[in-house]
């Protein structure tokens, strides 16, 4: 089987199909936003719990 010729943009970060677009392996922006919100909520829960304001009374 014959090998394909190398891409003219190989290794320069423009393999996504056009100028101004990131590399093809970059994650979508909504994934980063969702992760940031999830981390912020977890941190808020931990801080409130450690400060004595979380979980309420259990009995």
C-alpha atoms as a PDB file:
ATOM      1  CA  UNK A   1       0.000   0.000   0.000  1.00  0.00           C
ATOM      2  CA  UNK A   2       1.385   3.397  -0.971  1.00  0.00           C
ATOM      3  CA  UNK A   3       1.950   6.031   1.692  1.00  0.00           C
ATOM      4  CA  UNK A   4       0.084   9.320   1.518  1.00  0.00           C
ATOM      5  CA  UNK A   5       2.167  12.466   1.035  1.00  0.00           C
ATOM      6  CA  UNK A   6       2.603  14.581   4.173  1.00  0.00           C
ATOM      7  CA  UNK A   7       0.111  17.346   4.801  1.00  0.00           C
ATOM      8  CA  UNK A   8       1.342  20.821   3.805  1.00  0.00           C
ATOM      9  CA  UNK A   9       0.375  22.006   7.297  1.00  0.00           C
ATOM     10  CA  UNK A  10       1.819  19.064   9.236  1.00  0.00           C
ATOM     11  CA  UNK A  11       2.986  20.131  12.667  1.00  0.00           C
ATOM     12  CA  UNK A  12       2.149  23.841  12.443  1.00  0.00           C
ATOM     13  CA  UNK A  13      -1.109  23.672  14.442  1.00  0.00           C
ATOM     14  CA  UNK A  14      -3.448  24.377  11.520  1.00  0.00           C
ATOM     15  CA  UNK A  15      -4.564  20.791  10.829  1.00  0.00           C
ATOM     16  CA  UNK A  16      -8.189  21.571  11.812  1.00  0.00           C
ATOM     17  CA  UNK A  17      -9.186  22.715   8.371  1.00  0.00           C
ATOM     18  CA  UNK A  18      -8.724  26.429   8.269  1.00  0.00           C
ATOM     19  CA  UNK A  19      -6.854  29.460   9.503  1.00  0.00           C
ATOM     20  CA  UNK A  20      -7.781  30.753  12.918  1.00  0.00           C
ATOM     21  CA  UNK A  21      -9.108  27.429  14.168  1.00  0.00           C
ATOM     22  CA  UNK A  22      -7.290  25.480  16.847  1.00  0.00           C
ATOM     23  CA  UNK A  23      -5.803  22.037  16.400  1.00  0.00           C
ATOM     24  CA  UNK A  24      -8.208  19.154  15.773  1.00  0.00           C
ATOM     25  CA  UNK A  25      -7.545  17.615  19.199  1.00  0.00           C
ATOM     26  CA  UNK A  26      -8.656  20.694  21.200  1.00  0.00           C
ATOM     27  CA  UNK A  27     -11.679  20.138  23.429  1.00  0.00           C
ATOM     28  CA  UNK A  28     -14.846  22.166  22.819  1.00  0.00           C
ATOM     29  CA  UNK A  29     -15.331  25.335  24.847  1.00  0.00           C
ATOM     30  CA  UNK A  30     -18.493  23.996  26.543  1.00  0.00           C
ATOM     31  CA  UNK A  31     -16.464  21.157  28.081  1.00  0.00           C
ATOM     32  CA  UNK A  32     -14.072  23.651  29.676  1.00  0.00           C
ATOM     33  CA  UNK A  33     -16.963  25.813  30.928  1.00  0.00           C
ATOM     34  CA  UNK A  34     -18.771  22.792  32.386  1.00  0.00           C
ATOM     35  CA  UNK A  35     -15.586  21.624  34.129  1.00  0.00           C
ATOM     36  CA  UNK A  36     -14.963  25.097  35.599  1.00  0.00           C
ATOM     37  CA  UNK A  37     -18.543  25.288  36.944  1.00  0.00           C
ATOM     38  CA  UNK A  38     -18.305  21.781  38.414  1.00  0.00           C
ATOM     39  CA  UNK A  39     -15.006  22.597  40.152  1.00  0.00           C
ATOM     40  CA  UNK A  40     -16.441  25.854  41.532  1.00  0.00           C
ATOM     41  CA  UNK A  41     -19.491  24.031  42.943  1.00  0.00           C
ATOM     42  CA  UNK A  42     -17.339  21.332  44.535  1.00  0.00           C
ATOM     43  CA  UNK A  43     -15.058  23.951  46.104  1.00  0.00           C
ATOM     44  CA  UNK A  44     -18.074  25.893  47.431  1.00  0.00           C
ATOM     45  CA  UNK A  45     -19.498  22.696  48.971  1.00  0.00           C
ATOM     46  CA  UNK A  46     -16.187  21.801  50.627  1.00  0.00           C
ATOM     47  CA  UNK A  47     -15.646  25.323  51.985  1.00  0.00           C
ATOM     48  CA  UNK A  48     -19.200  25.527  53.386  1.00  0.00           C
ATOM     49  CA  UNK A  49     -18.914  22.072  54.909  1.00  0.00           C
ATOM     50  CA  UNK A  50     -15.578  22.833  56.563  1.00  0.00           C
ATOM     51  CA  UNK A  51     -16.871  26.183  57.834  1.00  0.00           C
ATOM     52  CA  UNK A  52     -19.694  24.419  59.689  1.00  0.00           C
ATOM     53  CA  UNK A  53     -22.543  25.576  57.497  1.00  0.00           C
ATOM     54  CA  UNK A  54     -23.003  22.429  55.454  1.00  0.00           C
ATOM     55  CA  UNK A  55     -25.095  19.278  55.829  1.00  0.00           C
ATOM     56  CA  UNK A  56     -27.235  20.588  58.733  1.00  0.00           C
ATOM     57  CA  UNK A  57     -28.027  18.463  61.780  1.00  0.00           C
ATOM     58  CA  UNK A  58     -28.396  14.723  61.434  1.00  0.00           C
ATOM     59  CA  UNK A  59     -30.625  13.822  64.231  1.00  0.00           C
END
